[in-house]
Amino acid sequence: MCMIAFATSTTDDYDFHSITTQIDKLSWYYNPSLTHVSCCLAVSLVTQYVGAVIARLASDMCGCKWPLVYSFIFTGALQISGIYCEALESFIAVRAVLGITTGGIYGNAVAIGLENCA
């Protein structure tokens, strides 16, 4: 589980850096300023910690397995739906919810890994 948490963190870092290298193209496609796009992406990155807390609370109520499974399913669906956003606001909303689900994966995987190590 620690390896899953590490892989999730690495994949999320790769995803975030690949998006930030495309700020010029996002600004051209959605027509706001570069500063506005970069600020919106930074705000969507903060939601990962919220997702880790929400998923951990859900795991305390119903076990770690199902919140982790749902986080994986929603992450895949949100990765695909981010392609089809036509406005910057909807793209940032998808990225924010994606941050929540990614934080849920990372938080649950680390928690499961720490439980199994003890």
Protein backbone atom coordinates (compact mmCIF):
# COMPACT_ATOMS: atom_id res chain seq x y z
CA MET A 1 0.00 0.00 0.00
CA CYS A 2 2.90 2.35 0.61
CA MET A 3 3.99 1.72 -2.98
CA ILE A 4 0.46 2.52 -4.20
CA ALA A 5 0.55 5.77 -2.23
CA PHE A 6 3.94 6.61 -3.71
CA ALA A 7 2.78 5.74 -7.22
CA THR A 8 -0.36 7.84 -6.74
CA SER A 9 1.66 10.79 -5.53
CA THR A 10 4.11 10.45 -8.43
CA THR A 11 1.32 10.16 -10.99
CA ASP A 12 -0.46 13.18 -9.53
CA ASP A 13 2.76 15.20 -9.62
CA TYR A 14 3.29 14.22 -13.24
CA ASP A 15 -0.31 15.18 -14.07
CA PHE A 16 -0.03 18.55 -12.34
CA HIS A 17 3.30 19.40 -13.98
CA SER A 18 2.05 18.34 -17.40
CA ILE A 19 -0.92 20.69 -16.97
CA THR A 20 1.23 23.58 -15.76
CA THR A 21 3.53 23.27 -18.77
CA GLN A 22 0.46 23.78 -20.98
CA ILE A 23 -0.69 27.06 -19.39
CA ASP A 24 -0.05 28.92 -22.65
CA LYS A 25 -2.30 26.54 -24.58
CA LEU A 26 -4.97 26.64 -21.85
CA SER A 27 -4.90 30.43 -21.91
CA TRP A 28 -5.22 30.43 -25.69
CA TYR A 29 -8.07 27.88 -25.64
CA TYR A 30 -10.12 29.40 -22.80
CA ASN A 31 -9.12 33.08 -23.42
CA PRO A 32 -8.23 34.31 -19.88
CA SER A 33 -4.87 35.69 -18.83
CA LEU A 34 -1.94 33.45 -17.95
CA THR A 35 -2.07 34.64 -14.35
CA HIS A 36 -5.73 33.73 -14.02
CA VAL A 37 -5.14 30.21 -15.38
CA SER A 38 -2.15 29.59 -13.11
CA CYS A 39 -4.01 30.86 -10.01
CA CYS A 40 -6.98 28.62 -10.80
CA LEU A 41 -4.72 25.60 -11.19
CA ALA A 42 -2.97 26.36 -7.89
CA VAL A 43 -6.33 26.59 -6.11
CA SER A 44 -7.38 23.24 -7.56
CA LEU A 45 -4.17 21.69 -6.22
CA VAL A 46 -5.05 22.63 -2.63
CA THR A 47 -8.14 20.43 -2.70
CA GLN A 48 -6.03 17.27 -2.38
CA TYR A 49 -5.73 17.78 1.36
CA VAL A 50 -9.49 18.15 1.62
CA GLY A 51 -9.89 14.86 -0.23
CA ALA A 52 -7.47 13.09 2.07
CA VAL A 53 -9.45 14.21 5.12
CA ILE A 54 -12.83 13.32 3.61
CA ALA A 55 -11.65 9.89 2.48
CA ARG A 56 -10.07 9.19 5.86
CA LEU A 57 -13.30 10.09 7.65
CA ALA A 58 -15.24 7.85 5.25
CA SER A 59 -12.74 5.07 5.89
CA ASP A 60 -13.24 5.35 9.62
CA MET A 61 -16.97 4.83 9.09
CA CYS A 62 -17.03 2.00 6.55
CA GLY A 63 -13.50 0.63 6.19
CA CYS A 64 -10.69 1.60 3.87
CA LYS A 65 -11.50 -0.61 0.91
CA TRP A 66 -14.61 1.00 -0.57
CA PRO A 67 -13.61 4.67 -0.28
CA LEU A 68 -10.36 3.74 -2.01
CA VAL A 69 -12.20 1.88 -4.78
CA TYR A 70 -14.61 4.79 -5.31
CA SER A 71 -11.72 7.24 -5.39
CA PHE A 72 -10.05 5.21 -8.15
CA ILE A 73 -13.28 5.06 -10.17
CA PHE A 74 -14.00 8.79 -9.83
CA THR A 75 -10.40 9.69 -10.63
CA GLY A 76 -10.56 7.80 -13.91
CA ALA A 77 -13.90 9.34 -14.83
CA LEU A 78 -12.70 12.85 -14.01
CA GLN A 79 -9.48 12.43 -15.99
CA ILE A 80 -11.56 11.60 -19.04
CA SER A 81 -14.17 14.32 -18.45
CA GLY A 82 -11.51 17.02 -18.15
CA ILE A 83 -10.86 16.66 -21.87
CA TYR A 84 -14.38 17.73 -22.77
CA CYS A 85 -14.63 20.95 -20.73
CA GLU A 86 -15.55 23.94 -22.86
CA ALA A 87 -15.10 26.71 -20.25
CA LEU A 88 -12.27 27.45 -17.86
CA GLU A 89 -14.63 27.38 -14.88
CA SER A 90 -15.78 23.85 -15.67
CA PHE A 91 -12.19 22.73 -16.29
CA ILE A 92 -11.07 24.11 -12.93
CA ALA A 93 -14.10 22.52 -11.22
CA VAL A 94 -13.19 19.15 -12.70
CA ARG A 95 -9.56 19.64 -11.63
CA ALA A 96 -10.65 20.56 -8.09
CA VAL A 97 -12.82 17.45 -7.74
CA LEU A 98 -10.00 15.45 -9.29
CA GLY A 99 -7.74 16.79 -6.55
CA ILE A 100 -10.24 15.63 -3.94
CA THR A 101 -10.37 12.10 -5.36
CA THR A 102 -6.60 11.93 -5.77
CA GLY A 103 -6.15 13.06 -2.19
CA GLY A 104 -8.58 10.33 -1.19
CA ILE A 105 -6.45 7.72 -2.90
CA TYR A 106 -3.26 9.00 -1.36
CA GLY A 107 -4.73 9.39 2.13
CA ASN A 108 -6.31 5.93 2.19
CA ALA A 109 -3.29 4.18 0.71
CA VAL A 110 -0.98 5.73 3.27
CA ALA A 111 -3.39 4.89 6.10
CA ILE A 112 -3.70 1.26 4.96
CA GLY A 113 0.06 1.01 4.57
CA LEU A 114 0.66 2.36 8.07
CA GLU A 115 -1.96 0.02 9.55
CA ASN A 116 -0.31 -2.98 7.92
CA CYS A 117 3.18 -1.94 9.02
CA ALA A 118 2.29 -1.77 12.72
